[in-house]
mmCIF file of all heavy atoms, coordinates in Angstrom:
data_MODEL
# 
_entry.id   MODEL 
# 
loop_
_atom_site.group_PDB 
_atom_site.id 
_atom_site.type_symbol 
_atom_site.label_atom_id 
_atom_site.label_alt_id 
_atom_site.label_comp_id 
_atom_site.label_asym_id 
_atom_site.label_entity_id 
_atom_site.label_seq_id 
_atom_site.pdbx_PDB_ins_code 
_atom_site.Cartn_x 
_atom_site.Cartn_y 
_atom_site.Cartn_z 
_atom_site.occupancy 
_atom_site.B_iso_or_equiv 
_atom_site.pdbx_formal_charge 
_atom_site.auth_seq_id 
_atom_site.auth_comp_id 
_atom_site.auth_asym_id 
_atom_site.auth_atom_id 
_atom_site.pdbx_PDB_model_num 
ATOM 1   N N   . GLU A 1 1  ? 219.003 -22.808 -17.931 1.00 0.00 ? 1  GLU A N   1 
ATOM 2   C CA  . GLU A 1 1  ? 217.865 -22.121 -18.503 1.00 0.00 ? 1  GLU A CA  1 
ATOM 3   C C   . GLU A 1 1  ? 218.035 -20.616 -18.374 1.00 0.00 ? 1  GLU A C   1 
ATOM 4   O O   . GLU A 1 1  ? 218.616 -20.124 -17.401 1.00 0.00 ? 1  GLU A O   1 
ATOM 5   C CB  . GLU A 1 1  ? 216.558 -22.559 -17.827 1.00 0.00 ? 1  GLU A CB  1 
ATOM 6   C CG  . GLU A 1 1  ? 216.118 -23.963 -18.213 1.00 0.00 ? 1  GLU A CG  1 
ATOM 7   C CD  . GLU A 1 1  ? 214.680 -24.225 -17.814 1.00 0.00 ? 1  GLU A CD  1 
ATOM 8   O OE1 . GLU A 1 1  ? 214.163 -23.505 -16.935 1.00 0.00 ? 1  GLU A OE1 1 
ATOM 9   O OE2 . GLU A 1 1  ? 214.080 -25.147 -18.392 1.00 0.00 ? 1  GLU A OE2 1 
ATOM 10  N N   . HIS A 1 2  ? 217.530 -19.907 -19.367 1.00 0.00 ? 2  HIS A N   1 
ATOM 11  C CA  . HIS A 1 2  ? 217.606 -18.451 -19.387 1.00 0.00 ? 2  HIS A CA  1 
ATOM 12  C C   . HIS A 1 2  ? 216.278 -17.923 -19.899 1.00 0.00 ? 2  HIS A C   1 
ATOM 13  O O   . HIS A 1 2  ? 215.444 -18.660 -20.425 1.00 0.00 ? 2  HIS A O   1 
ATOM 14  C CB  . HIS A 1 2  ? 218.729 -17.974 -20.321 1.00 0.00 ? 2  HIS A CB  1 
ATOM 15  C CG  . HIS A 1 2  ? 220.069 -18.562 -20.025 1.00 0.00 ? 2  HIS A CG  1 
ATOM 16  N ND1 . HIS A 1 2  ? 221.008 -17.948 -19.222 1.00 0.00 ? 2  HIS A ND1 1 
ATOM 17  C CD2 . HIS A 1 2  ? 220.643 -19.733 -20.430 1.00 0.00 ? 2  HIS A CD2 1 
ATOM 18  C CE1 . HIS A 1 2  ? 222.084 -18.701 -19.145 1.00 0.00 ? 2  HIS A CE1 1 
ATOM 19  N NE2 . HIS A 1 2  ? 221.883 -19.790 -19.879 1.00 0.00 ? 2  HIS A NE2 1 
ATOM 20  N N   . MET A 1 3  ? 216.094 -16.615 -19.718 1.00 0.00 ? 3  MET A N   1 
ATOM 21  C CA  . MET A 1 3  ? 214.935 -15.952 -20.291 1.00 0.00 ? 3  MET A CA  1 
ATOM 22  C C   . MET A 1 3  ? 215.401 -15.108 -21.472 1.00 0.00 ? 3  MET A C   1 
ATOM 23  O O   . MET A 1 3  ? 216.336 -14.312 -21.355 1.00 0.00 ? 3  MET A O   1 
ATOM 24  C CB  . MET A 1 3  ? 214.259 -15.054 -19.253 1.00 0.00 ? 3  MET A CB  1 
ATOM 25  C CG  . MET A 1 3  ? 213.004 -14.371 -19.763 1.00 0.00 ? 3  MET A CG  1 
ATOM 26  S SD  . MET A 1 3  ? 211.694 -15.551 -20.169 1.00 0.00 ? 3  MET A SD  1 
ATOM 27  C CE  . MET A 1 3  ? 211.205 -16.039 -18.521 1.00 0.00 ? 3  MET A CE  1 
ATOM 28  N N   . LEU A 1 4  ? 214.772 -15.319 -22.614 1.00 0.00 ? 4  LEU A N   1 
ATOM 29  C CA  . LEU A 1 4  ? 215.123 -14.591 -23.837 1.00 0.00 ? 4  LEU A CA  1 
ATOM 30  C C   . LEU A 1 4  ? 214.068 -13.537 -24.130 1.00 0.00 ? 4  LEU A C   1 
ATOM 31  O O   . LEU A 1 4  ? 212.867 -13.828 -24.134 1.00 0.00 ? 4  LEU A O   1 
ATOM 32  C CB  . LEU A 1 4  ? 215.214 -15.568 -25.015 1.00 0.00 ? 4  LEU A CB  1 
ATOM 33  C CG  . LEU A 1 4  ? 215.323 -14.946 -26.415 1.00 0.00 ? 4  LEU A CG  1 
ATOM 34  C CD1 . LEU A 1 4  ? 216.656 -14.225 -26.589 1.00 0.00 ? 4  LEU A CD1 1 
ATOM 35  C CD2 . LEU A 1 4  ? 215.151 -16.011 -27.491 1.00 0.00 ? 4  LEU A CD2 1 
ATOM 36  N N   . TYR A 1 5  ? 214.523 -12.323 -24.378 1.00 0.00 ? 5  TYR A N   1 
ATOM 37  C CA  . TYR A 1 5  ? 213.630 -11.253 -24.818 1.00 0.00 ? 5  TYR A CA  1 
ATOM 38  C C   . TYR A 1 5  ? 214.187 -10.696 -26.125 1.00 0.00 ? 5  TYR A C   1 
ATOM 39  O O   . TYR A 1 5  ? 215.361 -10.355 -26.208 1.00 0.00 ? 5  TYR A O   1 
ATOM 40  C CB  . TYR A 1 5  ? 213.558 -10.129 -23.779 1.00 0.00 ? 5  TYR A CB  1 
ATOM 41  C CG  . TYR A 1 5  ? 212.734 -8.948  -24.235 1.00 0.00 ? 5  TYR A CG  1 
ATOM 42  C CD1 . TYR A 1 5  ? 211.343 -8.994  -24.220 1.00 0.00 ? 5  TYR A CD1 1 
ATOM 43  C CD2 . TYR A 1 5  ? 213.343 -7.787  -24.694 1.00 0.00 ? 5  TYR A CD2 1 
ATOM 44  C CE1 . TYR A 1 5  ? 210.583 -7.920  -24.651 1.00 0.00 ? 5  TYR A CE1 1 
ATOM 45  C CE2 . TYR A 1 5  ? 212.599 -6.708  -25.129 1.00 0.00 ? 5  TYR A CE2 1 
ATOM 46  C CZ  . TYR A 1 5  ? 211.207 -6.780  -25.098 1.00 0.00 ? 5  TYR A CZ  1 
ATOM 47  O OH  . TYR A 1 5  ? 210.463 -5.725  -25.533 1.00 0.00 ? 5  TYR A OH  1 
ATOM 48  N N   . ALA A 1 6  ? 213.340 -10.615 -27.148 1.00 0.00 ? 6  ALA A N   1 
ATOM 49  C CA  . ALA A 1 6  ? 213.782 -10.102 -28.447 1.00 0.00 ? 6  ALA A CA  1 
ATOM 50  C C   . ALA A 1 6  ? 212.769 -9.095  -28.963 1.00 0.00 ? 6  ALA A C   1 
ATOM 51  O O   . ALA A 1 6  ? 211.555 -9.261  -28.786 1.00 0.00 ? 6  ALA A O   1 
ATOM 52  C CB  . ALA A 1 6  ? 213.956 -11.241 -29.451 1.00 0.00 ? 6  ALA A CB  1 
ATOM 53  N N   . THR A 1 7  ? 213.266 -8.051  -29.615 1.00 0.00 ? 7  THR A N   1 
ATOM 54  C CA  . THR A 1 7  ? 212.405 -7.020  -30.170 1.00 0.00 ? 7  THR A CA  1 
ATOM 55  C C   . THR A 1 7  ? 212.975 -6.531  -31.495 1.00 0.00 ? 7  THR A C   1 
ATOM 56  O O   . THR A 1 7  ? 214.188 -6.558  -31.703 1.00 0.00 ? 7  THR A O   1 
ATOM 57  C CB  . THR A 1 7  ? 212.251 -5.835  -29.185 1.00 0.00 ? 7  THR A CB  1 
ATOM 58  O OG1 . THR A 1 7  ? 211.287 -4.904  -29.676 1.00 0.00 ? 7  THR A OG1 1 
ATOM 59  C CG2 . THR A 1 7  ? 213.584 -5.111  -28.986 1.00 0.00 ? 7  THR A CG2 1 
ATOM 60  N N   . ARG A 1 8  ? 212.106 -6.100  -32.382 1.00 0.00 ? 8  ARG A N   1 
ATOM 61  C CA  . ARG A 1 8  ? 212.557 -5.646  -33.696 1.00 0.00 ? 8  ARG A CA  1 
ATOM 62  C C   . ARG A 1 8  ? 213.067 -4.209  -33.616 1.00 0.00 ? 8  ARG A C   1 
ATOM 63  O O   . ARG A 1 8  ? 212.405 -3.326  -33.066 1.00 0.00 ? 8  ARG A O   1 
ATOM 64  C CB  . ARG A 1 8  ? 211.409 -5.726  -34.700 1.00 0.00 ? 8  ARG A CB  1 
ATOM 65  C CG  . ARG A 1 8  ? 211.820 -5.365  -36.128 1.00 0.00 ? 8  ARG A CG  1 
ATOM 66  C CD  . ARG A 1 8  ? 210.602 -5.314  -37.055 1.00 0.00 ? 8  ARG A CD  1 
ATOM 67  N NE  . ARG A 1 8  ? 209.936 -6.601  -37.132 1.00 0.00 ? 8  ARG A NE  1 
ATOM 68  C CZ  . ARG A 1 8  ? 210.329 -7.586  -37.926 1.00 0.00 ? 8  ARG A CZ  1 
ATOM 69  N NH1 . ARG A 1 8  ? 211.417 -7.446  -38.675 1.00 0.00 ? 8  ARG A NH1 1 
ATOM 70  N NH2 . ARG A 1 8  ? 209.674 -8.715  -37.956 1.00 0.00 ? 8  ARG A NH2 1 
ATOM 71  N N   . LEU A 1 9  ? 214.264 -3.976  -34.158 1.00 0.00 ? 9  LEU A N   1 
ATOM 72  C CA  . LEU A 1 9  ? 214.806 -2.629  -34.275 1.00 0.00 ? 9  LEU A CA  1 
ATOM 73  C C   . LEU A 1 9  ? 214.440 -2.015  -35.622 1.00 0.00 ? 9  LEU A C   1 
ATOM 74  O O   . LEU A 1 9  ? 214.203 -0.814  -35.729 1.00 0.00 ? 9  LEU A O   1 
ATOM 75  C CB  . LEU A 1 9  ? 216.334 -2.643  -34.140 1.00 0.00 ? 9  LEU A CB  1 
ATOM 76  C CG  . LEU A 1 9  ? 216.913 -3.080  -32.794 1.00 0.00 ? 9  LEU A CG  1 
ATOM 77  C CD1 . LEU A 1 9  ? 218.431 -3.103  -32.871 1.00 0.00 ? 9  LEU A CD1 1 
ATOM 78  C CD2 . LEU A 1 9  ? 216.450 -2.164  -31.677 1.00 0.00 ? 9  LEU A CD2 1 
ATOM 79  N N   . ALA A 1 10 ? 214.439 -2.850  -36.645 1.00 0.00 ? 10 ALA A N   1 
ATOM 80  C CA  . ALA A 1 10 ? 214.172 -2.407  -38.016 1.00 0.00 ? 10 ALA A CA  1 
ATOM 81  C C   . ALA A 1 10 ? 213.939 -3.679  -38.834 1.00 0.00 ? 10 ALA A C   1 
ATOM 82  O O   . ALA A 1 10 ? 214.160 -4.791  -38.341 1.00 0.00 ? 10 ALA A O   1 
ATOM 83  C CB  . ALA A 1 10 ? 215.357 -1.611  -38.574 1.00 0.00 ? 10 ALA A CB  1 
ATOM 84  N N   . PRO A 1 11 ? 213.494 -3.564  -40.092 1.00 0.00 ? 11 PRO A N   1 
ATOM 85  C CA  . PRO A 1 11 ? 213.344 -4.764  -40.911 1.00 0.00 ? 11 PRO A CA  1 
ATOM 86  C C   . PRO A 1 11 ? 214.637 -5.589  -40.963 1.00 0.00 ? 11 PRO A C   1 
ATOM 87  O O   . PRO A 1 11 ? 215.717 -5.029  -41.161 1.00 0.00 ? 11 PRO A O   1 
ATOM 88  C CB  . PRO A 1 11 ? 212.993 -4.188  -42.290 1.00 0.00 ? 11 PRO A CB  1 
ATOM 89  C CG  . PRO A 1 11 ? 212.337 -2.891  -41.990 1.00 0.00 ? 11 PRO A CG  1 
ATOM 90  C CD  . PRO A 1 11 ? 213.053 -2.340  -40.785 1.00 0.00 ? 11 PRO A CD  1 
ATOM 91  N N   . ASP A 1 12 ? 214.515 -6.889  -40.720 1.00 0.00 ? 12 ASP A N   1 
ATOM 92  C CA  . ASP A 1 12 ? 215.663 -7.820  -40.743 1.00 0.00 ? 12 ASP A CA  1 
ATOM 93  C C   . ASP A 1 12 ? 216.664 -7.562  -39.624 1.00 0.00 ? 12 ASP A C   1 
ATOM 94  O O   . ASP A 1 12 ? 217.790 -8.070  -39.662 1.00 0.00 ? 12 ASP A O   1 
ATOM 95  C CB  . ASP A 1 12 ? 216.400 -7.773  -42.094 1.00 0.00 ? 12 ASP A CB  1 
ATOM 96  C CG  . ASP A 1 12 ? 215.525 -8.221  -43.233 1.00 0.00 ? 12 ASP A CG  1 
ATOM 97  O OD1 . ASP A 1 12 ? 214.737 -9.155  -43.026 1.00 0.00 ? 12 ASP A OD1 1 
ATOM 98  O OD2 . ASP A 1 12 ? 215.625 -7.638  -44.326 1.00 0.00 ? 12 ASP A OD2 1 
ATOM 99  N N   . LEU A 1 13 ? 216.282 -6.791  -38.606 1.00 0.00 ? 13 LEU A N   1 
ATOM 100 C CA  . LEU A 1 13 ? 217.224 -6.409  -37.550 1.00 0.00 ? 13 LEU A CA  1 
ATOM 101 C C   . LEU A 1 13 ? 216.558 -6.626  -36.193 1.00 0.00 ? 13 LEU A C   1 
ATOM 102 O O   . LEU A 1 13 ? 215.593 -5.933  -35.850 1.00 0.00 ? 13 LEU A O   1 
ATOM 103 C CB  . LEU A 1 13 ? 217.613 -4.940  -37.732 1.00 0.00 ? 13 LEU A CB  1 
ATOM 104 C CG  . LEU A 1 13 ? 218.907 -4.452  -37.091 1.00 0.00 ? 13 LEU A CG  1 
ATOM 105 C CD1 . LEU A 1 13 ? 220.105 -5.185  -37.694 1.00 0.00 ? 13 LEU A CD1 1 
ATOM 106 C CD2 . LEU A 1 13 ? 219.062 -2.958  -37.306 1.00 0.00 ? 13 LEU A CD2 1 
ATOM 107 N N   . ILE A 1 14 ? 217.054 -7.599  -35.431 1.00 0.00 ? 14 ILE A N   1 
ATOM 108 C CA  . ILE A 1 14 ? 216.442 -7.971  -34.164 1.00 0.00 ? 14 ILE A CA  1 
ATOM 109 C C   . ILE A 1 14 ? 217.436 -7.789  -33.019 1.00 0.00 ? 14 ILE A C   1 
ATOM 110 O O   . ILE A 1 14 ? 218.585 -8.205  -33.111 1.00 0.00 ? 14 ILE A O   1 
ATOM 111 C CB  . ILE A 1 14 ? 215.975 -9.449  -34.175 1.00 0.00 ? 14 ILE A CB  1 
ATOM 112 C CG1 . ILE A 1 14 ? 215.081 -9.730  -35.379 1.00 0.00 ? 14 ILE A CG1 1 
ATOM 113 C CG2 . ILE A 1 14 ? 215.268 -9.797  -32.873 1.00 0.00 ? 14 ILE A CG2 1 
ATOM 114 C CD1 . ILE A 1 14 ? 213.824 -8.928  -35.425 1.00 0.00 ? 14 ILE A CD1 1 
ATOM 115 N N   . LEU A 1 15 ? 216.984 -7.157  -31.949 1.00 0.00 ? 15 LEU A N   1 
ATOM 116 C CA  . LEU A 1 15 ? 217.766 -7.031  -30.724 1.00 0.00 ? 15 LEU A CA  1 
ATOM 117 C C   . LEU A 1 15 ? 217.306 -8.109  -29.755 1.00 0.00 ? 15 LEU A C   1 
ATOM 118 O O   . LEU A 1 15 ? 216.100 -8.263  -29.526 1.00 0.00 ? 15 LEU A O   1 
ATOM 119 C CB  . LEU A 1 15 ? 217.567 -5.654  -30.093 1.00 0.00 ? 15 LEU A CB  1 
ATOM 120 C CG  . LEU A 1 15 ? 218.118 -5.477  -28.665 1.00 0.00 ? 15 LEU A CG  1 
ATOM 121 C CD1 . LEU A 1 15 ? 219.637 -5.527  -28.652 1.00 0.00 ? 15 LEU A CD1 1 
ATOM 122 C CD2 . LEU A 1 15 ? 217.611 -4.177  -28.061 1.00 0.00 ? 15 LEU A CD2 1 
ATOM 123 N N   . ALA A 1 16 ? 218.235 -8.857  -29.191 1.00 0.00 ? 16 ALA A N   1 
ATOM 124 C CA  . ALA A 1 16 ? 217.899 -9.912  -28.231 1.00 0.00 ? 16 ALA A CA  1 
ATOM 125 C C   . ALA A 1 16 ? 218.702 -9.734  -26.954 1.00 0.00 ? 16 ALA A C   1 
ATOM 126 O O   . ALA A 1 16 ? 219.902 -9.432  -27.004 1.00 0.00 ? 16 ALA A O   1 
ATOM 127 C CB  . ALA A 1 16 ? 218.176 -11.294 -28.834 1.00 0.00 ? 16 ALA A CB  1 
ATOM 128 N N   . LEU A 1 17 ? 218.037 -9.907  -25.836 1.00 0.00 ? 17 LEU A N   1 
ATOM 129 C CA  . LEU A 1 17 ? 218.675 -9.847  -24.521 1.00 0.00 ? 17 LEU A CA  1 
ATOM 130 C C   . LEU A 1 17 ? 218.398 -11.158 -23.799 1.00 0.00 ? 17 LEU A C   1 
ATOM 131 O O   . LEU A 1 17 ? 217.295 -11.707 -23.889 1.00 0.00 ? 17 LEU A O   1 
ATOM 132 C CB  . LEU A 1 17 ? 218.121 -8.678  -23.702 1.00 0.00 ? 17 LEU A CB  1 
ATOM 133 C CG  . LEU A 1 17 ? 218.317 -7.275  -24.280 1.00 0.00 ? 17 LEU A CG  1 
ATOM 134 C CD1 . LEU A 1 17 ? 217.496 -6.264  -23.492 1.00 0.00 ? 17 LEU A CD1 1 
ATOM 135 C CD2 . LEU A 1 17 ? 219.779 -6.894  -24.264 1.00 0.00 ? 17 LEU A CD2 1 
ATOM 136 N N   . VAL A 1 18 ? 219.399 -11.660 -23.077 1.00 0.00 ? 18 VAL A N   1 
ATOM 137 C CA  . VAL A 1 18 ? 219.259 -12.906 -22.336 1.00 0.00 ? 18 VAL A CA  1 
ATOM 138 C C   . VAL A 1 18 ? 219.466 -12.623 -20.852 1.00 0.00 ? 18 VAL A C   1 
ATOM 139 O O   . VAL A 1 18 ? 220.443 -11.969 -20.466 1.00 0.00 ? 18 VAL A O   1 
ATOM 140 C CB  . VAL A 1 18 ? 220.269 -13.958 -22.834 1.00 0.00 ? 18 VAL A CB  1 
ATOM 141 C CG1 . VAL A 1 18 ? 220.238 -15.187 -21.945 1.00 0.00 ? 18 VAL A CG1 1 
ATOM 142 C CG2 . VAL A 1 18 ? 219.948 -14.350 -24.261 1.00 0.00 ? 18 VAL A CG2 1 
ATOM 143 N N   . PHE A 1 19 ? 218.527 -13.115 -20.046 1.00 0.00 ? 19 PHE A N   1 
ATOM 144 C CA  . PHE A 1 19 ? 218.554 -12.887 -18.608 1.00 0.00 ? 19 PHE A CA  1 
ATOM 145 C C   . PHE A 1 19 ? 218.587 -14.217 -17.872 1.00 0.00 ? 19 PHE A C   1 
ATOM 146 O O   . PHE A 1 19 ? 218.297 -15.273 -18.440 1.00 0.00 ? 19 PHE A O   1 
ATOM 147 C CB  . PHE A 1 19 ? 217.295 -12.129 -18.167 1.00 0.00 ? 19 PHE A CB  1 
ATOM 148 C CG  . PHE A 1 19 ? 217.140 -10.763 -18.779 1.00 0.00 ? 19 PHE A CG  1 
ATOM 149 C CD1 . PHE A 1 19 ? 216.612 -10.610 -20.048 1.00 0.00 ? 19 PHE A CD1 1 
ATOM 150 C CD2 . PHE A 1 19 ? 217.520 -9.624  -18.079 1.00 0.00 ? 19 PHE A CD2 1 
ATOM 151 C CE1 . PHE A 1 19 ? 216.449 -9.354  -20.617 1.00 0.00 ? 19 PHE A CE1 1 
ATOM 152 C CE2 . PHE A 1 19 ? 217.364 -8.370  -18.642 1.00 0.00 ? 19 PHE A CE2 1 
ATOM 153 C CZ  . PHE A 1 19 ? 216.836 -8.228  -19.909 1.00 0.00 ? 19 PHE A CZ  1 
ATOM 154 N N   . ASP A 1 20 ? 218.930 -14.144 -16.601 1.00 0.00 ? 20 ASP A N   1 
ATOM 155 C CA  . ASP A 1 20 ? 218.800 -15.309 -15.741 1.00 0.00 ? 20 ASP A CA  1 
ATOM 156 C C   . ASP A 1 20 ? 217.342 -15.743 -15.728 1.00 0.00 ? 20 ASP A C   1 
ATOM 157 O O   . ASP A 1 20 ? 216.430 -14.913 -15.787 1.00 0.00 ? 20 ASP A O   1 
ATOM 158 C CB  . ASP A 1 20 ? 219.264 -14.966 -14.326 1.00 0.00 ? 20 ASP A CB  1 
ATOM 159 C CG  . ASP A 1 20 ? 219.203 -16.156 -13.397 1.00 0.00 ? 20 ASP A CG  1 
ATOM 160 O OD1 . ASP A 1 20 ? 220.172 -16.916 -13.305 1.00 0.00 ? 20 ASP A OD1 1 
ATOM 161 O OD2 . ASP A 1 20 ? 218.135 -16.327 -12.759 1.00 0.00 ? 20 ASP A OD2 1 
ATOM 162 N N   . ALA A 1 21 ? 217.110 -17.043 -15.657 1.00 0.00 ? 21 ALA A N   1 
ATOM 163 C CA  . ALA A 1 21 ? 215.750 -17.578 -15.741 1.00 0.00 ? 21 ALA A CA  1 
ATOM 164 C C   . ALA A 1 21 ? 214.859 -17.080 -14.603 1.00 0.00 ? 21 ALA A C   1 
ATOM 165 O O   . ALA A 1 21 ? 213.629 -17.084 -14.731 1.00 0.00 ? 21 ALA A O   1 
ATOM 166 C CB  . ALA A 1 21 ? 215.791 -19.102 -15.749 1.00 0.00 ? 21 ALA A CB  1 
ATOM 167 N N   . GLU A 1 22 ? 215.458 -16.639 -13.492 1.00 0.00 ? 22 GLU A N   1 
ATOM 168 C CA  . GLU A 1 22 ? 214.672 -16.186 -12.344 1.00 0.00 ? 22 GLU A CA  1 
ATOM 169 C C   . GLU A 1 22 ? 214.296 -14.706 -12.434 1.00 0.00 ? 22 GLU A C   1 
ATOM 170 O O   . GLU A 1 22 ? 213.576 -14.201 -11.573 1.00 0.00 ? 22 GLU A O   1 
ATOM 171 C CB  . GLU A 1 22 ? 215.464 -16.428 -11.046 1.00 0.00 ? 22 GLU A CB  1 
ATOM 172 C CG  . GLU A 1 22 ? 215.849 -17.875 -10.800 1.00 0.00 ? 22 GLU A CG  1 
ATOM 173 C CD  . GLU A 1 22 ? 214.626 -18.779 -10.675 1.00 0.00 ? 22 GLU A CD  1 
ATOM 174 O OE1 . GLU A 1 22 ? 213.629 -18.327 -10.082 1.00 0.00 ? 22 GLU A OE1 1 
ATOM 175 O OE2 . GLU A 1 22 ? 214.679 -19.911 -11.182 1.00 0.00 ? 22 GLU A OE2 1 
ATOM 176 N N   . THR A 1 23 ? 214.762 -14.005 -13.463 1.00 0.00 ? 23 THR A N   1 
ATOM 177 C CA  . THR A 1 23 ? 214.474 -12.578 -13.589 1.00 0.00 ? 23 THR A CA  1 
ATOM 178 C C   . THR A 1 23 ? 212.985 -12.361 -13.855 1.00 0.00 ? 23 THR A C   1 
ATOM 179 O O   . THR A 1 23 ? 212.421 -12.962 -14.771 1.00 0.00 ? 23 THR A O   1 
ATOM 180 C CB  . THR A 1 23 ? 215.276 -11.959 -14.743 1.00 0.00 ? 23 THR A CB  1 
ATOM 181 O OG1 . THR A 1 23 ? 216.661 -12.272 -14.578 1.00 0.00 ? 23 THR A OG1 1 
ATOM 182 C CG2 . THR A 1 23 ? 215.115 -10.435 -14.765 1.00 0.00 ? 23 THR A CG2 1 
ATOM 183 N N   . PRO A 1 24 ? 212.314 -11.502 -13.071 1.00 0.00 ? 24 PRO A N   1 
ATOM 184 C CA  . PRO A 1 24 ? 210.868 -11.262 -13.261 1.00 0.00 ? 24 PRO A CA  1 
ATOM 185 C C   . PRO A 1 24 ? 210.574 -10.655 -14.628 1.00 0.00 ? 24 PRO A C   1 
ATOM 186 O O   . PRO A 1 24 ? 211.363 -9.869  -15.155 1.00 0.00 ? 24 PRO A O   1 
ATOM 187 C CB  . PRO A 1 24 ? 210.530 -10.271 -12.137 1.00 0.00 ? 24 PRO A CB  1 
ATOM 188 C CG  . PRO A 1 24 ? 211.615 -10.444 -11.123 1.00 0.00 ? 24 PRO A CG  1 
ATOM 189 C CD  . PRO A 1 24 ? 212.846 -10.789 -11.884 1.00 0.00 ? 24 PRO A CD  1 
ATOM 190 N N   . PHE A 1 25 ? 209.438 -11.023 -15.213 1.00 0.00 ? 25 PHE A N   1 
ATOM 191 C CA  . PHE A 1 25 ? 209.030 -10.475 -16.499 1.00 0.00 ? 25 PHE A CA  1 
ATOM 192 C C   . PHE A 1 25 ? 208.990 -8.951  -16.460 1.00 0.00 ? 25 PHE A C   1 
ATOM 193 O O   . PHE A 1 25 ? 209.365 -8.273  -17.416 1.00 0.00 ? 25 PHE A O   1 
ATOM 194 C CB  . PHE A 1 25 ? 207.644 -11.007 -16.885 1.00 0.00 ? 25 PHE A CB  1 
ATOM 195 C CG  . PHE A 1 25 ? 207.636 -12.458 -17.281 1.00 0.00 ? 25 PHE A CG  1 
ATOM 196 C CD1 . PHE A 1 25 ? 206.442 -13.087 -17.604 1.00 0.00 ? 25 PHE A CD1 1 
ATOM 197 C CD2 . PHE A 1 25 ? 208.811 -13.195 -17.326 1.00 0.00 ? 25 PHE A CD2 1 
ATOM 198 C CE1 . PHE A 1 25 ? 206.428 -14.434 -17.979 1.00 0.00 ? 25 PHE A CE1 1 
ATOM 199 C CE2 . PHE A 1 25 ? 208.795 -14.529 -17.693 1.00 0.00 ? 25 PHE A CE2 1 
ATOM 200 C CZ  . PHE A 1 25 ? 207.601 -15.153 -18.004 1.00 0.00 ? 25 PHE A CZ  1 
ATOM 201 N N   . SER A 1 26 ? 208.478 -8.407  -15.350 1.00 0.00 ? 26 SER A N   1 
ATOM 202 C CA  . SER A 1 26 ? 208.343 -6.950  -15.250 1.00 0.00 ? 26 SER A CA  1 
ATOM 203 C C   . SER A 1 26 ? 209.692 -6.255  -15.346 1.00 0.00 ? 26 SER A C   1 
ATOM 204 O O   . SER A 1 26 ? 209.825 -5.201  -15.970 1.00 0.00 ? 26 SER A O   1 
ATOM 205 C CB  . SER A 1 26 ? 207.662 -6.578  -13.933 1.00 0.00 ? 26 SER A CB  1 
ATOM 206 O OG  . SER A 1 26 ? 208.397 -7.086  -12.817 1.00 0.00 ? 26 SER A OG  1 
ATOM 207 N N   . THR A 1 27 ? 210.719 -6.867  -14.758 1.00 0.00 ? 27 THR A N   1 
ATOM 208 C CA  . THR A 1 27 ? 212.070 -6.301  -14.816 1.00 0.00 ? 27 THR A CA  1 
ATOM 209 C C   . THR A 1 27 ? 212.610 -6.343  -16.240 1.00 0.00 ? 27 THR A C   1 
ATOM 210 O O   . THR A 1 27 ? 213.192 -5.374  -16.724 1.00 0.00 ? 27 THR A O   1 
ATOM 211 C CB  . THR A 1 27 ? 213.017 -7.072  -13.882 1.00 0.00 ? 27 THR A CB  1 
ATOM 212 O OG1 . THR A 1 27 ? 212.533 -6.978  -12.537 1.00 0.00 ? 27 THR A OG1 1 
ATOM 213 C CG2 . THR A 1 27 ? 214.433 -6.511  -13.954 1.00 0.00 ? 27 THR A CG2 1 
ATOM 214 N N   . ILE A 1 28 ? 212.394 -7.475  -16.903 1.00 0.00 ? 28 ILE A N   1 
ATOM 215 C CA  . ILE A 1 28 ? 212.874 -7.634  -18.281 1.00 0.00 ? 28 ILE A CA  1 
ATOM 216 C C   . ILE A 1 28 ? 212.230 -6.601  -19.194 1.00 0.00 ? 28 ILE A C   1 
ATOM 217 O O   . ILE A 1 28 ? 212.900 -5.924  -19.973 1.00 0.00 ? 28 ILE A O   1 
ATOM 218 C CB  . ILE A 1 28 ? 212.589 -9.060  -18.778 1.00 0.00 ? 28 ILE A CB  1 
ATOM 219 C CG1 . ILE A 1 28 ? 213.434 -10.071 -18.005 1.00 0.00 ? 28 ILE A CG1 1 
ATOM 220 C CG2 . ILE A 1 28 ? 212.849 -9.176  -20.282 1.00 0.00 ? 28 ILE A CG2 1 
ATOM 221 C CD1 . ILE A 1 28 ? 213.134 -11.514 -18.342 1.00 0.00 ? 28 ILE A CD1 1 
ATOM 222 N N   . ARG A 1 29 ? 210.912 -6.455  -19.102 1.00 0.00 ? 29 ARG A N   1 
ATOM 223 C CA  . ARG A 1 29 ? 210.218 -5.523  -20.000 1.00 0.00 ? 29 ARG A CA  1 
ATOM 224 C C   . ARG A 1 29 ? 210.649 -4.078  -19.741 1.00 0.00 ? 29 ARG A C   1 
ATOM 225 O O   . ARG A 1 29 ? 210.835 -3.308  -20.674 1.00 0.00 ? 29 ARG A O   1 
ATOM 226 C CB  . ARG A 1 29 ? 208.703 -5.669  -19.837 1.00 0.00 ? 29 ARG A CB  1 
ATOM 227 C CG  . ARG A 1 29 ? 208.169 -6.973  -20.411 1.00 0.00 ? 29 ARG A CG  1 
ATOM 228 C CD  . ARG A 1 29 ? 206.652 -6.950  -20.518 1.00 0.00 ? 29 ARG A CD  1 
ATOM 229 N NE  . ARG A 1 29 ? 206.133 -8.194  -21.054 1.00 0.00 ? 29 ARG A NE  1 
ATOM 230 C CZ  . ARG A 1 29 ? 206.106 -8.499  -22.338 1.00 0.00 ? 29 ARG A CZ  1 
ATOM 231 N NH1 . ARG A 1 29 ? 206.584 -7.642  -23.229 1.00 0.00 ? 29 ARG A NH1 1 
ATOM 232 N NH2 . ARG A 1 29 ? 205.609 -9.645  -22.730 1.00 0.00 ? 29 ARG A NH2 1 
# 
């Protein structure tokens, strides 16, 4: 299991980062 964080850079363009499942939400954000 992992934690996925994705955010829009531009239309049709998404940046995604994958972290260890134990990584705190606050750290990811």
